[in-house]
Amino acid sequence: MASEHDKAVLWSIFNPTAPFGDIPGLNEEKELTDDDSFFDPNLLEKVKNLEIRGVSAAESGDLKTALIHFDQAIQILPKRASAYNNRAQVKRLLGDTESAIEDLEHAIVLSKGRGRTACQALVQRGLLFRLAHRDDDARADFERAAALGSMFAKQQAIILNPYAALCNRMLSEVIGNLRNPKVPEKQ
């Protein structure tokens, strides 16, 4: 049986574009899911198929078609968070960061901050906040996503913690001095 470290290495090899350390199921107490039980099963199936088609279109570079699929999914089930989260990614790729953040906020509210979609939306919004140099907002999102089980978010929250950054800098200096001690010059 593979250790968690082995799983992390394999995940990184086979998924080089995934955020480092964000390995589904690893270091999580349970796999996150969304509660879709209150949606009409027929409509839910239709919406999930639209989202799959949207993701496929986005992965092939057809962002306009992806946007159409996600818009249709939202029209059918406007209270379901997942399509907002997916549409935000397409909007981000199209350069519409503000609208992407709005969709992520909508996904977080609709999911009540719980489940897989909330976790993904918090991580993605945190990354957008980081790019906008809104580190306090980013750290808050990463901390919430970390509480839901995202190891990537946990790492980002630590990186953005000013005390952790200070400690890391001091530790780095100590290790550097141990590796390369300053030898007093002889007179």
C-alpha atoms as a PDB file:
ATOM      1  CA  MET A   1       0.000   0.000   0.000  1.00  0.00           C
ATOM      2  CA  ALA A   2       1.327   3.453  -0.972  1.00  0.00           C
ATOM      3  CA  SER A   3       2.103   5.968   1.754  1.00  0.00           C
ATOM      4  CA  GLU A   4       0.659   9.505   1.684  1.00  0.00           C
ATOM      5  CA  HIS A   5       4.061  10.734   0.490  1.00  0.00           C
ATOM      6  CA  ASP A   6       4.067   8.186  -2.349  1.00  0.00           C
ATOM      7  CA  LYS A   7       0.537   9.240  -3.336  1.00  0.00           C
ATOM      8  CA  ALA A   8       1.614  12.890  -3.336  1.00  0.00           C
ATOM      9  CA  VAL A   9       4.599  12.150  -5.590  1.00  0.00           C
ATOM     10  CA  LEU A  10       2.488  10.090  -8.005  1.00  0.00           C
ATOM     11  CA  TRP A  11      -0.230  12.758  -8.089  1.00  0.00           C
ATOM     12  CA  SER A  12       2.375  15.422  -8.913  1.00  0.00           C
ATOM     13  CA  ILE A  13       3.845  13.304 -11.704  1.00  0.00           C
ATOM     14  CA  PHE A  14       0.522  12.443 -13.326  1.00  0.00           C
ATOM     15  CA  ASN A  15      -1.141  15.825 -12.698  1.00  0.00           C
ATOM     16  CA  PRO A  16       1.610  18.401 -13.224  1.00  0.00           C
ATOM     17  CA  THR A  17      -0.822  21.307 -13.646  1.00  0.00           C
ATOM     18  CA  ALA A  18      -2.675  20.658 -10.377  1.00  0.00           C
ATOM     19  CA  PRO A  19      -1.822  22.908  -7.418  1.00  0.00           C
ATOM     20  CA  PHE A  20       0.978  21.281  -5.422  1.00  0.00           C
ATOM     21  CA  GLY A  21      -0.336  19.292  -2.498  1.00  0.00           C
ATOM     22  CA  ASP A  22      -4.010  19.550  -3.482  1.00  0.00           C
ATOM     23  CA  ILE A  23      -4.549  15.834  -3.836  1.00  0.00           C
ATOM     24  CA  PRO A  24      -8.176  14.693  -3.763  1.00  0.00           C
ATOM     25  CA  GLY A  25      -8.832  12.445  -0.808  1.00  0.00           C
ATOM     26  CA  LEU A  26      -5.353  12.835   0.666  1.00  0.00           C
ATOM     27  CA  ASN A  27      -5.112  14.243   4.170  1.00  0.00           C
ATOM     28  CA  GLU A  28      -8.853  14.737   4.245  1.00  0.00           C
ATOM     29  CA  GLU A  29     -11.030  13.146   6.858  1.00  0.00           C
ATOM     30  CA  LYS A  30     -13.680  12.481   4.225  1.00  0.00           C
ATOM     31  CA  GLU A  31     -14.218  13.173   0.564  1.00  0.00           C
ATOM     32  CA  LEU A  32     -16.136  16.419   0.140  1.00  0.00           C
ATOM     33  CA  THR A  33     -19.420  16.296  -1.721  1.00  0.00           C
ATOM     34  CA  ASP A  34     -22.186  18.753  -2.448  1.00  0.00           C
ATOM     35  CA  ASP A  35     -25.715  18.164  -1.162  1.00  0.00           C
ATOM     36  CA  ASP A  36     -27.822  18.096  -4.319  1.00  0.00           C
ATOM     37  CA  SER A  37     -30.628  16.063  -2.731  1.00  0.00           C
ATOM     38  CA  PHE A  38     -33.176  18.891  -2.835  1.00  0.00           C
ATOM     39  CA  PHE A  39     -32.931  19.396  -6.618  1.00  0.00           C
ATOM     40  CA  ASP A  40     -35.227  17.630  -9.065  1.00  0.00           C
ATOM     41  CA  PRO A  41     -33.241  14.540 -10.181  1.00  0.00           C
ATOM     42  CA  ASN A  42     -34.114  15.002 -13.881  1.00  0.00           C
ATOM     43  CA  LEU A  43     -33.067  18.650 -13.879  1.00  0.00           C
ATOM     44  CA  LEU A  44     -29.945  17.810 -11.876  1.00  0.00           C
ATOM     45  CA  GLU A  45     -28.884  15.202 -14.424  1.00  0.00           C
ATOM     46  CA  LYS A  46     -29.433  17.678 -17.262  1.00  0.00           C
ATOM     47  CA  VAL A  47     -27.396  20.356 -15.448  1.00  0.00           C
ATOM     48  CA  LYS A  48     -24.554  17.950 -14.645  1.00  0.00           C
ATOM     49  CA  ASN A  49     -24.380  16.951 -18.315  1.00  0.00           C
ATOM     50  CA  LEU A  50     -24.239  20.623 -19.327  1.00  0.00           C
ATOM     51  CA  GLU A  51     -21.429  21.199 -16.842  1.00  0.00           C
ATOM     52  CA  ILE A  52     -19.486  18.195 -18.166  1.00  0.00           C
ATOM     53  CA  ARG A  53     -19.867  19.550 -21.700  1.00  0.00           C
ATOM     54  CA  GLY A  54     -18.807  22.997 -20.477  1.00  0.00           C
ATOM     55  CA  VAL A  55     -15.690  21.656 -18.774  1.00  0.00           C
ATOM     56  CA  SER A  56     -14.828  19.637 -21.875  1.00  0.00           C
ATOM     57  CA  ALA A  57     -15.245  22.703 -24.104  1.00  0.00           C
ATOM     58  CA  ALA A  58     -13.080  24.800 -21.765  1.00  0.00           C
ATOM     59  CA  GLU A  59     -10.364  22.140 -21.685  1.00  0.00           C
ATOM     60  CA  SER A  60     -10.291  22.110 -25.489  1.00  0.00           C
ATOM     61  CA  GLY A  61      -9.984  25.914 -25.540  1.00  0.00           C
ATOM     62  CA  ASP A  62     -13.526  26.702 -26.696  1.00  0.00           C
ATOM     63  CA  LEU A  63     -14.303  29.145 -23.896  1.00  0.00           C
ATOM     64  CA  LYS A  64     -17.335  30.730 -25.555  1.00  0.00           C
ATOM     65  CA  THR A  65     -19.081  27.351 -25.870  1.00  0.00           C
ATOM     66  CA  ALA A  66     -18.111  26.505 -22.294  1.00  0.00           C
ATOM     67  CA  LEU A  67     -19.675  29.760 -21.124  1.00  0.00           C
ATOM     68  CA  ILE A  68     -22.899  28.941 -23.009  1.00  0.00           C
ATOM     69  CA  HIS A  69     -23.130  25.516 -21.306  1.00  0.00           C
ATOM     70  CA  PHE A  70     -22.567  26.974 -17.843  1.00  0.00           C
ATOM     71  CA  ASP A  71     -25.082  29.774 -18.488  1.00  0.00           C
ATOM     72  CA  GLN A  72     -27.657  27.153 -19.516  1.00  0.00           C
ATOM     73  CA  ALA A  73     -26.947  25.102 -16.382  1.00  0.00           C
ATOM     74  CA  ILE A  74     -27.460  28.201 -14.238  1.00  0.00           C
ATOM     75  CA  GLN A  75     -30.732  29.033 -16.001  1.00  0.00           C
ATOM     76  CA  ILE A  76     -32.064  25.537 -15.265  1.00  0.00           C
ATOM     77  CA  LEU A  77     -30.944  25.363 -11.603  1.00  0.00           C
ATOM     78  CA  PRO A  78     -30.012  28.886 -10.452  1.00  0.00           C
ATOM     79  CA  LYS A  79     -29.728  27.771  -6.805  1.00  0.00           C
ATOM     80  CA  ARG A  80     -26.999  25.163  -7.525  1.00  0.00           C
ATOM     81  CA  ALA A  81     -23.473  26.424  -6.781  1.00  0.00           C
ATOM     82  CA  SER A  82     -21.353  24.227  -9.062  1.00  0.00           C
ATOM     83  CA  ALA A  83     -22.112  25.919 -12.393  1.00  0.00           C
ATOM     84  CA  TYR A  84     -21.257  29.344 -10.917  1.00  0.00           C
ATOM     85  CA  ASN A  85     -17.903  27.961  -9.795  1.00  0.00           C
ATOM     86  CA  ASN A  86     -17.210  26.494 -13.236  1.00  0.00           C
ATOM     87  CA  ARG A  87     -18.373  29.615 -15.054  1.00  0.00           C
ATOM     88  CA  ALA A  88     -16.028  31.688 -12.882  1.00  0.00           C
ATOM     89  CA  GLN A  89     -13.078  29.722 -14.240  1.00  0.00           C
ATOM     90  CA  VAL A  90     -14.080  30.448 -17.815  1.00  0.00           C
ATOM     91  CA  LYS A  91     -14.576  34.133 -17.007  1.00  0.00           C
ATOM     92  CA  ARG A  92     -11.127  34.203 -15.394  1.00  0.00           C
ATOM     93  CA  LEU A  93      -9.606  32.641 -18.515  1.00  0.00           C
ATOM     94  CA  LEU A  94     -11.390  35.286 -20.598  1.00  0.00           C
ATOM     95  CA  GLY A  95      -9.802  37.986 -18.421  1.00  0.00           C
ATOM     96  CA  ASP A  96     -12.988  39.030 -16.616  1.00  0.00           C
ATOM     97  CA  THR A  97     -11.646  38.730 -13.062  1.00  0.00           C
ATOM     98  CA  GLU A  98     -14.308  40.903 -11.423  1.00  0.00           C
ATOM     99  CA  SER A  99     -17.149  38.847 -12.845  1.00  0.00           C
ATOM    100  CA  ALA A 100     -15.285  35.641 -11.947  1.00  0.00           C
ATOM    101  CA  ILE A 101     -15.058  36.784  -8.319  1.00  0.00           C
ATOM    102  CA  GLU A 102     -18.795  37.588  -8.349  1.00  0.00           C
ATOM    103  CA  ASP A 103     -19.568  34.056  -9.560  1.00  0.00           C
ATOM    104  CA  LEU A 104     -17.268  32.559  -6.920  1.00  0.00           C
ATOM    105  CA  GLU A 105     -18.995  34.609  -4.220  1.00  0.00           C
ATOM    106  CA  HIS A 106     -22.353  33.391  -5.507  1.00  0.00           C
ATOM    107  CA  ALA A 107     -21.117  29.779  -5.390  1.00  0.00           C
ATOM    108  CA  ILE A 108     -19.897  30.226  -1.798  1.00  0.00           C
ATOM    109  CA  VAL A 109     -23.224  31.712  -0.681  1.00  0.00           C
ATOM    110  CA  LEU A 110     -25.336  29.069  -2.455  1.00  0.00           C
ATOM    111  CA  SER A 111     -23.224  26.238  -1.022  1.00  0.00           C
ATOM    112  CA  LYS A 112     -23.496  27.808   2.453  1.00  0.00           C
ATOM    113  CA  GLY A 113     -19.704  27.518   2.671  1.00  0.00           C
ATOM    114  CA  ARG A 114     -19.852  23.717   2.800  1.00  0.00           C
ATOM    115  CA  GLY A 115     -18.936  20.926   0.427  1.00  0.00           C
ATOM    116  CA  ARG A 116     -16.704  20.452  -2.550  1.00  0.00           C
ATOM    117  CA  THR A 117     -17.908  23.453  -4.538  1.00  0.00           C
ATOM    118  CA  ALA A 118     -17.445  25.811  -1.581  1.00  0.00           C
ATOM    119  CA  CYS A 119     -13.920  24.503  -1.029  1.00  0.00           C
ATOM    120  CA  GLN A 120     -13.006  24.953  -4.696  1.00  0.00           C
ATOM    121  CA  ALA A 121     -14.605  28.395  -4.901  1.00  0.00           C
ATOM    122  CA  LEU A 122     -12.778  29.572  -1.774  1.00  0.00           C
ATOM    123  CA  VAL A 123      -9.415  28.371  -3.119  1.00  0.00           C
ATOM    124  CA  GLN A 124     -10.026  29.959  -6.501  1.00  0.00           C
ATOM    125  CA  ARG A 125     -11.231  33.248  -5.034  1.00  0.00           C
ATOM    126  CA  GLY A 126      -8.236  33.217  -2.675  1.00  0.00           C
ATOM    127  CA  LEU A 127      -5.903  32.875  -5.658  1.00  0.00           C
ATOM    128  CA  LEU A 128      -7.610  35.769  -7.439  1.00  0.00           C
ATOM    129  CA  PHE A 129      -7.356  37.885  -4.280  1.00  0.00           C
ATOM    130  CA  ARG A 130      -3.647  37.042  -4.088  1.00  0.00           C
ATOM    131  CA  LEU A 131      -3.125  38.171  -7.658  1.00  0.00           C
ATOM    132  CA  ALA A 132      -4.875  41.442  -6.744  1.00  0.00           C
ATOM    133  CA  HIS A 133      -2.559  41.828  -3.706  1.00  0.00           C
ATOM    134  CA  ARG A 134      -5.517  41.443  -1.335  1.00  0.00           C
ATOM    135  CA  ASP A 135      -3.534  39.147   0.951  1.00  0.00           C
ATOM    136  CA  ASP A 136      -5.795  39.457   4.004  1.00  0.00           C
ATOM    137  CA  ASP A 137      -8.851  38.451   1.949  1.00  0.00           C
ATOM    138  CA  ALA A 138      -6.859  35.659   0.298  1.00  0.00           C
ATOM    139  CA  ARG A 139      -5.655  34.324   3.640  1.00  0.00           C
ATOM    140  CA  ALA A 140      -9.229  34.312   5.009  1.00  0.00           C
ATOM    141  CA  ASP A 141     -10.443  32.289   2.004  1.00  0.00           C
ATOM    142  CA  PHE A 142      -7.521  29.872   2.219  1.00  0.00           C
ATOM    143  CA  GLU A 143      -8.154  29.342   5.934  1.00  0.00           C
ATOM    144  CA  ARG A 144     -11.823  28.545   5.259  1.00  0.00           C
ATOM    145  CA  ALA A 145     -10.905  26.157   2.429  1.00  0.00           C
ATOM    146  CA  ALA A 146      -8.234  24.532   4.609  1.00  0.00           C
ATOM    147  CA  ALA A 147     -10.894  23.913   7.273  1.00  0.00           C
ATOM    148  CA  LEU A 148     -12.865  22.083   4.573  1.00  0.00           C
ATOM    149  CA  GLY A 149      -9.851  19.871   3.819  1.00  0.00           C
ATOM    150  CA  SER A 150      -7.790  21.520   1.061  1.00  0.00           C
ATOM    151  CA  MET A 151      -4.103  20.945   1.718  1.00  0.00           C
ATOM    152  CA  PHE A 152      -3.215  23.464  -1.014  1.00  0.00           C
ATOM    153  CA  ALA A 153      -5.276  26.095   0.825  1.00  0.00           C
ATOM    154  CA  LYS A 154      -3.584  25.177   4.091  1.00  0.00           C
ATOM    155  CA  GLN A 155      -0.164  25.738   2.510  1.00  0.00           C
ATOM    156  CA  GLN A 156      -1.276  29.066   1.046  1.00  0.00           C
ATOM    157  CA  ALA A 157      -2.696  30.220   4.401  1.00  0.00           C
ATOM    158  CA  ILE A 158       0.625  29.416   6.048  1.00  0.00           C
ATOM    159  CA  ILE A 159       2.568  31.260   3.350  1.00  0.00           C
ATOM    160  CA  LEU A 160       0.353  34.335   3.816  1.00  0.00           C
ATOM    161  CA  ASN A 161       0.618  34.292   7.602  1.00  0.00           C
ATOM    162  CA  PRO A 162       2.951  37.202   8.444  1.00  0.00           C
ATOM    163  CA  TYR A 163       4.260  35.437  11.561  1.00  0.00           C
ATOM    164  CA  ALA A 164       5.005  32.278   9.601  1.00  0.00           C
ATOM    165  CA  ALA A 165       6.813  34.353   6.963  1.00  0.00           C
ATOM    166  CA  LEU A 166       8.939  36.019   9.646  1.00  0.00           C
ATOM    167  CA  CYS A 167       9.732  32.659  11.261  1.00  0.00           C
ATOM    168  CA  ASN A 168      10.605  31.141   7.873  1.00  0.00           C
ATOM    169  CA  ARG A 169      12.928  34.051   7.095  1.00  0.00           C
ATOM    170  CA  MET A 170      14.653  33.750  10.477  1.00  0.00           C
ATOM    171  CA  LEU A 171      14.938  29.967  10.152  1.00  0.00           C
ATOM    172  CA  SER A 172      16.368  30.358   6.662  1.00  0.00           C
ATOM    173  CA  GLU A 173      19.035  32.735   7.984  1.00  0.00           C
ATOM    174  CA  VAL A 174      19.972  30.335  10.807  1.00  0.00           C
ATOM    175  CA  ILE A 175      20.254  27.392   8.411  1.00  0.00           C
ATOM    176  CA  GLY A 176      22.265  29.522   5.984  1.00  0.00           C
ATOM    177  CA  ASN A 177      24.664  30.471   8.782  1.00  0.00           C
ATOM    178  CA  LEU A 178      25.002  26.837   9.832  1.00  0.00           C
ATOM    179  CA  ARG A 179      25.776  25.746   6.279  1.00  0.00           C
ATOM    180  CA  ASN A 180      28.155  28.609   5.576  1.00  0.00           C
ATOM    181  CA  PRO A 181      29.584  29.776   8.894  1.00  0.00           C
ATOM    182  CA  LYS A 182      31.362  33.085   8.864  1.00  0.00           C
ATOM    183  CA  VAL A 183      34.979  32.446   9.703  1.00  0.00           C
ATOM    184  CA  PRO A 184      36.673  35.349  11.476  1.00  0.00           C
ATOM    185  CA  GLU A 185      39.566  36.761   9.517  1.00  0.00           C
ATOM    186  CA  LYS A 186      43.024  36.215  10.991  1.00  0.00           C
ATOM    187  CA  GLN A 187      44.960  39.330  11.746  1.00  0.00           C
END
